[in-house]
């Protein structure tokens, strides 16, 4: 299983060059059955990363371009009256896929953004009072432009809390950018990628993640981190219980990627910025950049000793 996961990371790295740490975090997120938010400037490879991951993992992929006039039914689907059957027939929307790419999610109105809340948490969609289950596995990979760009709506805390991780790609280093300039067109390269895993393989990997052992002292460490964020005068509010569960699952997935059957404090710290950064806000208020989030998390790590 580990060899298959490593082959996925290697293949995605051929498309999104120079971003191995972010690719590894994205894989850990999916192994932990979490949703991923990729926040960065347009044109740095956010959509390409989502597409390459879904192809390499052998998952069905659909993309929705979020705009300010997008309606919730454009995502979840709509019931249309069929004259021949004399009844309403449900036509599934793009959310009924294994990977939904919500491109530029913060360009849609809050009402449309909220259409994803149930699907991300319950993995189902309620239409006309009836729950419609989503495919398994199901992931939302959302891309987001910086909030200071024109035409963006900030994601509410309830939406952000449903993303297990938030990562930033950033500009490529000079060597990687040269490889991009000299290499094959990314769209053409995506069309040639084979699947390195199947959806059954991914589900088996997710079961392995749940079996990774967390010793009581490790759980004490996670609880101490959560408690510190809730009491710190530097933070507007602390991490939720959902964030704590997400942190444990992400750390387990990170340990699996290292080939271990137990979680170390290093695993928790390795995923902490991606898991906690978008959930924390400074007490002084205002928007926080990815670097600012990393500094907040670094302060938390420095203040909480390892048991």
C-alpha atoms as a PDB file:
ATOM      1  CA  UNK A   1       0.000   0.000   0.000  1.00  0.00           C
ATOM      2  CA  UNK A   2       2.784   2.426   0.908  1.00  0.00           C
ATOM      3  CA  UNK A   3       4.443   1.814  -2.474  1.00  0.00           C
ATOM      4  CA  UNK A   4       1.201   2.711  -4.265  1.00  0.00           C
ATOM      5  CA  UNK A   5       0.816   5.906  -2.248  1.00  0.00           C
ATOM      6  CA  UNK A   6       4.409   6.855  -2.991  1.00  0.00           C
ATOM      7  CA  UNK A   7       3.827   6.238  -6.705  1.00  0.00           C
ATOM      8  CA  UNK A   8       0.844   8.616  -6.553  1.00  0.00           C
ATOM      9  CA  UNK A   9       2.980  11.288  -4.887  1.00  0.00           C
ATOM     10  CA  UNK A  10       5.732  10.788  -7.475  1.00  0.00           C
ATOM     11  CA  UNK A  11       3.332  11.063 -10.411  1.00  0.00           C
ATOM     12  CA  UNK A  12       1.588  14.164  -9.075  1.00  0.00           C
ATOM     13  CA  UNK A  13       5.040  15.653  -8.471  1.00  0.00           C
ATOM     14  CA  UNK A  14       5.781  15.306 -12.179  1.00  0.00           C
ATOM     15  CA  UNK A  15       2.851  17.597 -12.933  1.00  0.00           C
ATOM     16  CA  UNK A  16       3.004  19.998  -9.964  1.00  0.00           C
ATOM     17  CA  UNK A  17       6.776  20.314  -9.791  1.00  0.00           C
ATOM     18  CA  UNK A  18       8.699  21.453  -6.738  1.00  0.00           C
ATOM     19  CA  UNK A  19       5.753  21.071  -4.331  1.00  0.00           C
ATOM     20  CA  UNK A  20       6.396  17.714  -2.652  1.00  0.00           C
ATOM     21  CA  UNK A  21       5.549  18.936   0.908  1.00  0.00           C
ATOM     22  CA  UNK A  22       2.162  20.241  -0.272  1.00  0.00           C
ATOM     23  CA  UNK A  23       1.485  17.073  -2.284  1.00  0.00           C
ATOM     24  CA  UNK A  24       2.244  14.952   0.772  1.00  0.00           C
ATOM     25  CA  UNK A  25      -0.099  17.040   2.907  1.00  0.00           C
ATOM     26  CA  UNK A  26      -2.849  16.694   0.283  1.00  0.00           C
ATOM     27  CA  UNK A  27      -2.403  12.904   0.225  1.00  0.00           C
ATOM     28  CA  UNK A  28      -2.474  12.765   4.027  1.00  0.00           C
ATOM     29  CA  UNK A  29      -5.694  14.789   3.959  1.00  0.00           C
ATOM     30  CA  UNK A  30      -7.384  12.344   1.577  1.00  0.00           C
ATOM     31  CA  UNK A  31      -6.135   9.299   3.484  1.00  0.00           C
ATOM     32  CA  UNK A  32      -7.669  10.868   6.605  1.00  0.00           C
ATOM     33  CA  UNK A  33     -11.013  11.226   4.734  1.00  0.00           C
ATOM     34  CA  UNK A  34     -10.809  14.997   4.928  1.00  0.00           C
ATOM     35  CA  UNK A  35     -11.586  17.863   2.584  1.00  0.00           C
ATOM     36  CA  UNK A  36      -8.843  20.124   1.278  1.00  0.00           C
ATOM     37  CA  UNK A  37      -8.750  23.906   0.804  1.00  0.00           C
ATOM     38  CA  UNK A  38      -5.971  25.297  -1.406  1.00  0.00           C
ATOM     39  CA  UNK A  39      -5.547  29.034  -0.951  1.00  0.00           C
ATOM     40  CA  UNK A  40      -3.286  31.029  -3.252  1.00  0.00           C
ATOM     41  CA  UNK A  41      -3.021  33.419  -6.180  1.00  0.00           C
ATOM     42  CA  UNK A  42      -4.463  32.410  -9.575  1.00  0.00           C
ATOM     43  CA  UNK A  43      -2.120  30.503 -11.846  1.00  0.00           C
ATOM     44  CA  UNK A  44       0.120  28.693  -9.350  1.00  0.00           C
ATOM     45  CA  UNK A  45      -1.319  25.202  -9.959  1.00  0.00           C
ATOM     46  CA  UNK A  46      -4.239  24.799  -7.539  1.00  0.00           C
ATOM     47  CA  UNK A  47      -6.618  23.279 -10.111  1.00  0.00           C
ATOM     48  CA  UNK A  48      -3.828  21.202 -11.649  1.00  0.00           C
ATOM     49  CA  UNK A  49      -3.033  19.690  -8.247  1.00  0.00           C
ATOM     50  CA  UNK A  50      -6.663  18.675  -7.683  1.00  0.00           C
ATOM     51  CA  UNK A  51      -6.956  17.160 -11.163  1.00  0.00           C
ATOM     52  CA  UNK A  52      -3.657  15.270 -10.917  1.00  0.00           C
ATOM     53  CA  UNK A  53      -4.596  13.841  -7.501  1.00  0.00           C
ATOM     54  CA  UNK A  54      -7.997  12.595  -8.654  1.00  0.00           C
ATOM     55  CA  UNK A  55      -6.546  10.952 -11.790  1.00  0.00           C
ATOM     56  CA  UNK A  56      -3.647   9.325  -9.924  1.00  0.00           C
ATOM     57  CA  UNK A  57      -6.007   7.966  -7.245  1.00  0.00           C
ATOM     58  CA  UNK A  58      -8.423   6.614  -9.852  1.00  0.00           C
ATOM     59  CA  UNK A  59     -11.340   8.751  -8.672  1.00  0.00           C
ATOM     60  CA  UNK A  60     -14.238  10.264 -10.598  1.00  0.00           C
ATOM     61  CA  UNK A  61     -13.684  14.008 -10.924  1.00  0.00           C
ATOM     62  CA  UNK A  62     -16.039  16.936 -11.529  1.00  0.00           C
ATOM     63  CA  UNK A  63     -15.300  20.647 -11.470  1.00  0.00           C
ATOM     64  CA  UNK A  64     -17.569  23.587 -10.662  1.00  0.00           C
ATOM     65  CA  UNK A  65     -16.447  27.140 -11.325  1.00  0.00           C
ATOM     66  CA  UNK A  66     -17.881  29.183  -8.467  1.00  0.00           C
ATOM     67  CA  UNK A  67     -19.199  32.609  -9.467  1.00  0.00           C
ATOM     68  CA  UNK A  68     -21.381  35.171  -7.742  1.00  0.00           C
ATOM     69  CA  UNK A  69     -24.469  34.057  -9.716  1.00  0.00           C
ATOM     70  CA  UNK A  70     -24.042  30.324  -8.998  1.00  0.00           C
ATOM     71  CA  UNK A  71     -27.089  28.768  -7.291  1.00  0.00           C
ATOM     72  CA  UNK A  72     -27.140  25.929  -4.743  1.00  0.00           C
ATOM     73  CA  UNK A  73     -29.099  23.746  -7.208  1.00  0.00           C
ATOM     74  CA  UNK A  74     -26.233  24.127  -9.687  1.00  0.00           C
ATOM     75  CA  UNK A  75     -24.154  22.078  -7.242  1.00  0.00           C
ATOM     76  CA  UNK A  76     -26.587  19.657  -5.613  1.00  0.00           C
ATOM     77  CA  UNK A  77     -28.967  19.033  -8.523  1.00  0.00           C
ATOM     78  CA  UNK A  78     -32.616  19.727  -9.228  1.00  0.00           C
ATOM     79  CA  UNK A  79     -35.932  17.852  -9.540  1.00  0.00           C
ATOM     80  CA  UNK A  80     -37.630  18.307 -12.917  1.00  0.00           C
ATOM     81  CA  UNK A  81     -41.187  17.234 -13.744  1.00  0.00           C
ATOM     82  CA  UNK A  82     -41.287  14.373 -16.256  1.00  0.00           C
ATOM     83  CA  UNK A  83     -44.549  14.348 -18.209  1.00  0.00           C
ATOM     84  CA  UNK A  84     -44.192  10.737 -19.322  1.00  0.00           C
ATOM     85  CA  UNK A  85     -43.776   9.505 -15.760  1.00  0.00           C
ATOM     86  CA  UNK A  86     -46.103  12.160 -14.309  1.00  0.00           C
ATOM     87  CA  UNK A  87     -43.693  12.799 -11.468  1.00  0.00           C
ATOM     88  CA  UNK A  88     -40.634  14.807 -10.526  1.00  0.00           C
ATOM     89  CA  UNK A  89     -37.316  13.194 -11.457  1.00  0.00           C
ATOM     90  CA  UNK A  90     -34.122  14.164  -9.652  1.00  0.00           C
ATOM     91  CA  UNK A  91     -31.167  15.138 -11.832  1.00  0.00           C
ATOM     92  CA  UNK A  92     -27.964  14.886  -9.750  1.00  0.00           C
ATOM     93  CA  UNK A  93     -25.590  17.826  -9.725  1.00  0.00           C
ATOM     94  CA  UNK A  94     -21.796  17.720  -9.869  1.00  0.00           C
ATOM     95  CA  UNK A  95     -21.566  17.101  -6.112  1.00  0.00           C
ATOM     96  CA  UNK A  96     -22.405  13.469  -6.915  1.00  0.00           C
ATOM     97  CA  UNK A  97     -18.824  12.583  -7.749  1.00  0.00           C
ATOM     98  CA  UNK A  98     -15.899  11.157  -5.815  1.00  0.00           C
ATOM     99  CA  UNK A  99     -13.874  14.365  -6.106  1.00  0.00           C
ATOM    100  CA  UNK A 100     -15.614  17.714  -6.435  1.00  0.00           C
ATOM    101  CA  UNK A 101     -13.343  20.598  -7.324  1.00  0.00           C
ATOM    102  CA  UNK A 102     -14.949  23.794  -6.045  1.00  0.00           C
ATOM    103  CA  UNK A 103     -12.854  26.235  -8.043  1.00  0.00           C
ATOM    104  CA  UNK A 104     -12.551  29.739  -6.541  1.00  0.00           C
ATOM    105  CA  UNK A 105     -15.095  28.850  -3.868  1.00  0.00           C
ATOM    106  CA  UNK A 106     -14.955  32.287  -2.269  1.00  0.00           C
ATOM    107  CA  UNK A 107     -16.291  33.964  -5.430  1.00  0.00           C
ATOM    108  CA  UNK A 108     -19.743  32.470  -4.761  1.00  0.00           C
ATOM    109  CA  UNK A 109     -22.286  33.965  -2.384  1.00  0.00           C
ATOM    110  CA  UNK A 110     -22.555  32.635   1.175  1.00  0.00           C
ATOM    111  CA  UNK A 111     -25.882  30.971   0.286  1.00  0.00           C
ATOM    112  CA  UNK A 112     -24.220  28.923  -2.443  1.00  0.00           C
ATOM    113  CA  UNK A 113     -21.211  28.137  -0.265  1.00  0.00           C
ATOM    114  CA  UNK A 114     -23.553  26.742   2.375  1.00  0.00           C
ATOM    115  CA  UNK A 115     -24.874  24.178  -0.141  1.00  0.00           C
ATOM    116  CA  UNK A 116     -21.700  22.200   0.521  1.00  0.00           C
ATOM    117  CA  UNK A 117     -22.045  22.103   4.318  1.00  0.00           C
ATOM    118  CA  UNK A 118     -24.219  18.988   4.519  1.00  0.00           C
ATOM    119  CA  UNK A 119     -22.327  17.114   1.806  1.00  0.00           C
ATOM    120  CA  UNK A 120     -18.957  17.772   3.466  1.00  0.00           C
ATOM    121  CA  UNK A 121     -20.078  16.703   6.937  1.00  0.00           C
ATOM    122  CA  UNK A 122     -22.751  14.056   6.346  1.00  0.00           C
ATOM    123  CA  UNK A 123     -21.661  12.908   2.863  1.00  0.00           C
ATOM    124  CA  UNK A 124     -25.228  13.225   1.677  1.00  0.00           C
ATOM    125  CA  UNK A 125     -27.507  15.828   0.110  1.00  0.00           C
ATOM    126  CA  UNK A 126     -31.113  16.449   1.191  1.00  0.00           C
ATOM    127  CA  UNK A 127     -33.355  17.106  -1.809  1.00  0.00           C
ATOM    128  CA  UNK A 128     -37.132  17.522  -1.417  1.00  0.00           C
ATOM    129  CA  UNK A 129     -36.922  16.093   2.092  1.00  0.00           C
ATOM    130  CA  UNK A 130     -35.067  12.961   0.992  1.00  0.00           C
ATOM    131  CA  UNK A 131     -31.425  12.207   1.784  1.00  0.00           C
ATOM    132  CA  UNK A 132     -29.376  11.287  -1.276  1.00  0.00           C
ATOM    133  CA  UNK A 133     -26.095   9.535  -0.359  1.00  0.00           C
ATOM    134  CA  UNK A 134     -22.929  10.650  -2.110  1.00  0.00           C
ATOM    135  CA  UNK A 135     -20.366   8.305  -3.693  1.00  0.00           C
ATOM    136  CA  UNK A 136     -17.714   6.760  -1.474  1.00  0.00           C
ATOM    137  CA  UNK A 137     -15.050   7.974  -1.128  1.00  0.00           C
ATOM    138  CA  UNK A 138     -16.119  11.616  -1.410  1.00  0.00           C
ATOM    139  CA  UNK A 139     -13.822  14.636  -1.259  1.00  0.00           C
ATOM    140  CA  UNK A 140     -14.191  18.345  -1.766  1.00  0.00           C
ATOM    141  CA  UNK A 141     -11.045  20.047  -2.993  1.00  0.00           C
ATOM    142  CA  UNK A 142     -11.701  23.772  -2.988  1.00  0.00           C
ATOM    143  CA  UNK A 143      -9.469  26.524  -4.288  1.00  0.00           C
ATOM    144  CA  UNK A 144      -9.638  30.016  -2.870  1.00  0.00           C
ATOM    145  CA  UNK A 145      -8.192  33.334  -3.958  1.00  0.00           C
ATOM    146  CA  UNK A 146      -6.727  35.702  -1.353  1.00  0.00           C
ATOM    147  CA  UNK A 147      -9.481  37.676   0.371  1.00  0.00           C
ATOM    148  CA  UNK A 148      -8.052  41.026  -0.719  1.00  0.00           C
ATOM    149  CA  UNK A 149      -8.845  40.251  -4.369  1.00  0.00           C
ATOM    150  CA  UNK A 150     -11.899  41.865  -5.967  1.00  0.00           C
ATOM    151  CA  UNK A 151     -15.163  39.895  -5.945  1.00  0.00           C
ATOM    152  CA  UNK A 152     -14.469  37.485  -3.116  1.00  0.00           C
ATOM    153  CA  UNK A 153     -16.651  36.530  -0.147  1.00  0.00           C
ATOM    154  CA  UNK A 154     -14.892  35.307   3.015  1.00  0.00           C
ATOM    155  CA  UNK A 155     -15.719  31.724   3.958  1.00  0.00           C
ATOM    156  CA  UNK A 156     -17.630  31.533   7.271  1.00  0.00           C
ATOM    157  CA  UNK A 157     -16.040  29.731  10.214  1.00  0.00           C
ATOM    158  CA  UNK A 158     -18.539  26.862   9.927  1.00  0.00           C
ATOM    159  CA  UNK A 159     -17.370  26.246   6.356  1.00  0.00           C
ATOM    160  CA  UNK A 160     -13.666  26.573   7.160  1.00  0.00           C
ATOM    161  CA  UNK A 161     -14.007  24.117  10.042  1.00  0.00           C
ATOM    162  CA  UNK A 162     -15.191  21.429   7.625  1.00  0.00           C
ATOM    163  CA  UNK A 163     -11.943  21.556   5.676  1.00  0.00           C
ATOM    164  CA  UNK A 164      -9.494  19.228   7.359  1.00  0.00           C
ATOM    165  CA  UNK A 165      -6.535  21.072   5.825  1.00  0.00           C
ATOM    166  CA  UNK A 166      -5.738  24.373   4.179  1.00  0.00           C
ATOM    167  CA  UNK A 167      -2.490  24.598   2.223  1.00  0.00           C
ATOM    168  CA  UNK A 168      -0.715  27.195   0.103  1.00  0.00           C
ATOM    169  CA  UNK A 169       1.305  26.337  -3.005  1.00  0.00           C
ATOM    170  CA  UNK A 170       3.226  29.565  -3.548  1.00  0.00           C
ATOM    171  CA  UNK A 171       5.470  30.450  -6.458  1.00  0.00           C
ATOM    172  CA  UNK A 172       7.809  27.702  -7.723  1.00  0.00           C
ATOM    173  CA  UNK A 173      11.529  27.892  -7.073  1.00  0.00           C
ATOM    174  CA  UNK A 174      13.691  28.875 -10.095  1.00  0.00           C
ATOM    175  CA  UNK A 175      14.647  25.273 -10.937  1.00  0.00           C
ATOM    176  CA  UNK A 176      11.045  24.047 -10.834  1.00  0.00           C
ATOM    177  CA  UNK A 177       9.806  27.039 -12.825  1.00  0.00           C
ATOM    178  CA  UNK A 178      12.422  26.357 -15.503  1.00  0.00           C
ATOM    179  CA  UNK A 179      11.186  22.759 -15.706  1.00  0.00           C
ATOM    180  CA  UNK A 180       7.645  24.105 -16.171  1.00  0.00           C
ATOM    181  CA  UNK A 181       8.734  26.469 -18.942  1.00  0.00           C
ATOM    182  CA  UNK A 182      10.688  23.797 -20.785  1.00  0.00           C
ATOM    183  CA  UNK A 183       8.263  20.916 -20.185  1.00  0.00           C
ATOM    184  CA  UNK A 184       5.067  19.624 -21.711  1.00  0.00           C
ATOM    185  CA  UNK A 185       1.808  21.553 -21.426  1.00  0.00           C
ATOM    186  CA  UNK A 186       0.183  20.641 -18.103  1.00  0.00           C
ATOM    187  CA  UNK A 187      -3.232  19.903 -19.651  1.00  0.00           C
ATOM    188  CA  UNK A 188      -1.695  17.531 -22.184  1.00  0.00           C
ATOM    189  CA  UNK A 189       0.333  15.881 -19.446  1.00  0.00           C
ATOM    190  CA  UNK A 190      -2.781  15.331 -17.320  1.00  0.00           C
ATOM    191  CA  UNK A 191      -4.465  13.499 -20.198  1.00  0.00           C
ATOM    192  CA  UNK A 192      -1.624  10.966 -20.320  1.00  0.00           C
ATOM    193  CA  UNK A 193      -1.527  10.149 -16.599  1.00  0.00           C
ATOM    194  CA  UNK A 194      -2.485   6.583 -15.603  1.00  0.00           C
ATOM    195  CA  UNK A 195      -4.240   5.750 -12.348  1.00  0.00           C
ATOM    196  CA  UNK A 196      -1.743   4.537  -9.739  1.00  0.00           C
ATOM    197  CA  UNK A 197      -4.461   3.463  -7.287  1.00  0.00           C
ATOM    198  CA  UNK A 198      -8.139   2.565  -7.358  1.00  0.00           C
ATOM    199  CA  UNK A 199     -10.909   3.813  -5.119  1.00  0.00           C
ATOM    200  CA  UNK A 200     -10.814   0.431  -3.347  1.00  0.00           C
ATOM    201  CA  UNK A 201      -7.091   0.903  -2.699  1.00  0.00           C
ATOM    202  CA  UNK A 202      -7.786   4.333  -1.240  1.00  0.00           C
ATOM    203  CA  UNK A 203     -10.493   2.979   1.059  1.00  0.00           C
ATOM    204  CA  UNK A 204      -8.057   0.284   2.212  1.00  0.00           C
ATOM    205  CA  UNK A 205      -5.496   3.005   2.936  1.00  0.00           C
ATOM    206  CA  UNK A 206      -8.087   4.926   4.943  1.00  0.00           C
ATOM    207  CA  UNK A 207      -8.735   1.818   7.061  1.00  0.00           C
ATOM    208  CA  UNK A 208      -5.007   1.543   7.725  1.00  0.00           C
ATOM    209  CA  UNK A 209      -4.983   5.159   8.903  1.00  0.00           C
ATOM    210  CA  UNK A 210      -7.732   4.484  11.426  1.00  0.00           C
ATOM    211  CA  UNK A 211      -5.682   1.566  12.785  1.00  0.00           C
ATOM    212  CA  UNK A 212      -2.595   3.720  13.498  1.00  0.00           C
ATOM    213  CA  UNK A 213      -2.034   3.772  17.272  1.00  0.00           C
ATOM    214  CA  UNK A 214      -2.137   6.950  19.367  1.00  0.00           C
ATOM    215  CA  UNK A 215      -0.628   6.443  22.817  1.00  0.00           C
ATOM    216  CA  UNK A 216      -2.217   8.197  25.825  1.00  0.00           C
ATOM    217  CA  UNK A 217       0.706  10.678  26.192  1.00  0.00           C
ATOM    218  CA  UNK A 218       0.219  11.655  22.528  1.00  0.00           C
ATOM    219  CA  UNK A 219      -3.484  12.297  23.168  1.00  0.00           C
ATOM    220  CA  UNK A 220      -2.464  14.357  26.217  1.00  0.00           C
ATOM    221  CA  UNK A 221      -0.274  16.469  23.937  1.00  0.00           C
ATOM    222  CA  UNK A 222      -3.119  17.070  21.476  1.00  0.00           C
ATOM    223  CA  UNK A 223      -5.491  17.975  24.314  1.00  0.00           C
ATOM    224  CA  UNK A 224      -2.936  20.407  25.712  1.00  0.00           C
ATOM    225  CA  UNK A 225      -2.639  22.056  22.292  1.00  0.00           C
ATOM    226  CA  UNK A 226      -6.421  22.422  22.081  1.00  0.00           C
ATOM    227  CA  UNK A 227      -6.645  23.789  25.623  1.00  0.00           C
ATOM    228  CA  UNK A 228      -3.906  26.354  24.991  1.00  0.00           C
ATOM    229  CA  UNK A 229      -5.681  27.753  21.915  1.00  0.00           C
ATOM    230  CA  UNK A 230      -8.876  28.166  23.943  1.00  0.00           C
ATOM    231  CA  UNK A 231      -7.155  30.040  26.771  1.00  0.00           C
ATOM    232  CA  UNK A 232      -4.545  32.066  24.908  1.00  0.00           C
ATOM    233  CA  UNK A 233      -5.136  35.847  24.933  1.00  0.00           C
ATOM    234  CA  UNK A 234      -3.499  35.995  21.504  1.00  0.00           C
ATOM    235  CA  UNK A 235      -6.374  34.101  19.845  1.00  0.00           C
ATOM    236  CA  UNK A 236      -9.980  35.138  19.259  1.00  0.00           C
ATOM    237  CA  UNK A 237     -11.241  31.599  19.860  1.00  0.00           C
ATOM    238  CA  UNK A 238      -9.786  28.157  20.286  1.00  0.00           C
ATOM    239  CA  UNK A 239      -9.854  24.994  18.208  1.00  0.00           C
ATOM    240  CA  UNK A 240     -13.091  23.018  18.169  1.00  0.00           C
ATOM    241  CA  UNK A 241     -13.443  19.317  19.062  1.00  0.00           C
ATOM    242  CA  UNK A 242     -13.800  18.667  15.316  1.00  0.00           C
ATOM    243  CA  UNK A 243     -10.399  20.298  14.843  1.00  0.00           C
ATOM    244  CA  UNK A 244      -8.939  17.977  17.485  1.00  0.00           C
ATOM    245  CA  UNK A 245     -10.329  14.908  15.724  1.00  0.00           C
ATOM    246  CA  UNK A 246      -9.015  16.222  12.411  1.00  0.00           C
ATOM    247  CA  UNK A 247      -5.581  16.751  13.913  1.00  0.00           C
ATOM    248  CA  UNK A 248      -5.433  13.175  15.195  1.00  0.00           C
ATOM    249  CA  UNK A 249      -6.557  11.737  11.842  1.00  0.00           C
ATOM    250  CA  UNK A 250      -4.108  13.874   9.873  1.00  0.00           C
ATOM    251  CA  UNK A 251      -1.251  12.873  12.201  1.00  0.00           C
ATOM    252  CA  UNK A 252      -2.173   9.209  11.752  1.00  0.00           C
ATOM    253  CA  UNK A 253      -2.100   9.617   7.969  1.00  0.00           C
ATOM    254  CA  UNK A 254       1.283  11.355   8.197  1.00  0.00           C
ATOM    255  CA  UNK A 255       2.621   8.451  10.276  1.00  0.00           C
ATOM    256  CA  UNK A 256       1.342   5.995   7.659  1.00  0.00           C
ATOM    257  CA  UNK A 257       3.193   7.904   4.946  1.00  0.00           C
ATOM    258  CA  UNK A 258       6.348   7.408   7.027  1.00  0.00           C
ATOM    259  CA  UNK A 259       5.617   3.684   7.282  1.00  0.00           C
ATOM    260  CA  UNK A 260       4.897   3.683  11.022  1.00  0.00           C
ATOM    261  CA  UNK A 261       2.023   2.119  12.981  1.00  0.00           C
ATOM    262  CA  UNK A 262       2.049   4.760  15.730  1.00  0.00           C
ATOM    263  CA  UNK A 263       1.852   8.540  15.930  1.00  0.00           C
ATOM    264  CA  UNK A 264       4.716  10.706  17.196  1.00  0.00           C
ATOM    265  CA  UNK A 265       4.551  14.338  18.373  1.00  0.00           C
ATOM    266  CA  UNK A 266       6.544  15.173  15.217  1.00  0.00           C
ATOM    267  CA  UNK A 267       3.600  13.934  13.143  1.00  0.00           C
ATOM    268  CA  UNK A 268       1.242  16.263  14.991  1.00  0.00           C
ATOM    269  CA  UNK A 269       3.568  19.214  14.494  1.00  0.00           C
ATOM    270  CA  UNK A 270       4.074  18.357  10.805  1.00  0.00           C
ATOM    271  CA  UNK A 271       0.368  18.734  10.017  1.00  0.00           C
ATOM    272  CA  UNK A 272      -0.541  21.356  12.627  1.00  0.00           C
ATOM    273  CA  UNK A 273      -0.238  24.443  10.397  1.00  0.00           C
ATOM    274  CA  UNK A 274      -2.348  22.830   7.642  1.00  0.00           C
ATOM    275  CA  UNK A 275      -4.996  21.589  10.097  1.00  0.00           C
ATOM    276  CA  UNK A 276      -5.167  24.465  12.585  1.00  0.00           C
ATOM    277  CA  UNK A 277      -3.953  27.536  10.701  1.00  0.00           C
ATOM    278  CA  UNK A 278      -7.228  28.333   8.902  1.00  0.00           C
ATOM    279  CA  UNK A 279      -9.215  27.750  12.105  1.00  0.00           C
ATOM    280  CA  UNK A 280      -7.312  30.252  14.242  1.00  0.00           C
ATOM    281  CA  UNK A 281      -7.789  34.024  14.288  1.00  0.00           C
ATOM    282  CA  UNK A 282      -5.744  36.542  16.242  1.00  0.00           C
ATOM    283  CA  UNK A 283      -7.527  38.373  19.064  1.00  0.00           C
ATOM    284  CA  UNK A 284      -6.787  41.700  17.393  1.00  0.00           C
ATOM    285  CA  UNK A 285      -8.895  40.661  14.379  1.00  0.00           C
ATOM    286  CA  UNK A 286      -8.323  41.194  10.685  1.00  0.00           C
ATOM    287  CA  UNK A 287      -7.427  38.876   7.809  1.00  0.00           C
ATOM    288  CA  UNK A 288      -4.422  36.622   8.324  1.00  0.00           C
ATOM    289  CA  UNK A 289      -2.022  35.512   5.598  1.00  0.00           C
ATOM    290  CA  UNK A 290      -0.683  31.977   5.393  1.00  0.00           C
ATOM    291  CA  UNK A 291       2.582  33.191   6.907  1.00  0.00           C
ATOM    292  CA  UNK A 292       0.660  34.827   9.747  1.00  0.00           C
ATOM    293  CA  UNK A 293      -1.163  31.563  10.427  1.00  0.00           C
ATOM    294  CA  UNK A 294       2.132  29.697  10.532  1.00  0.00           C
ATOM    295  CA  UNK A 295       3.411  32.201  13.098  1.00  0.00           C
ATOM    296  CA  UNK A 296       0.295  31.726  15.249  1.00  0.00           C
ATOM    297  CA  UNK A 297       0.720  27.954  15.157  1.00  0.00           C
ATOM    298  CA  UNK A 298       4.445  28.266  15.899  1.00  0.00           C
ATOM    299  CA  UNK A 299       3.569  30.230  19.026  1.00  0.00           C
ATOM    300  CA  UNK A 300       1.154  27.475  20.088  1.00  0.00           C
ATOM    301  CA  UNK A 301       3.787  24.767  19.522  1.00  0.00           C
ATOM    302  CA  UNK A 302       6.406  26.749  21.447  1.00  0.00           C
ATOM    303  CA  UNK A 303       4.062  27.272  24.395  1.00  0.00           C
ATOM    304  CA  UNK A 304       2.910  23.662  24.796  1.00  0.00           C
ATOM    305  CA  UNK A 305       5.616  21.228  25.971  1.00  0.00           C
ATOM    306  CA  UNK A 306       5.721  17.651  24.707  1.00  0.00           C
ATOM    307  CA  UNK A 307       4.753  15.235  27.537  1.00  0.00           C
END
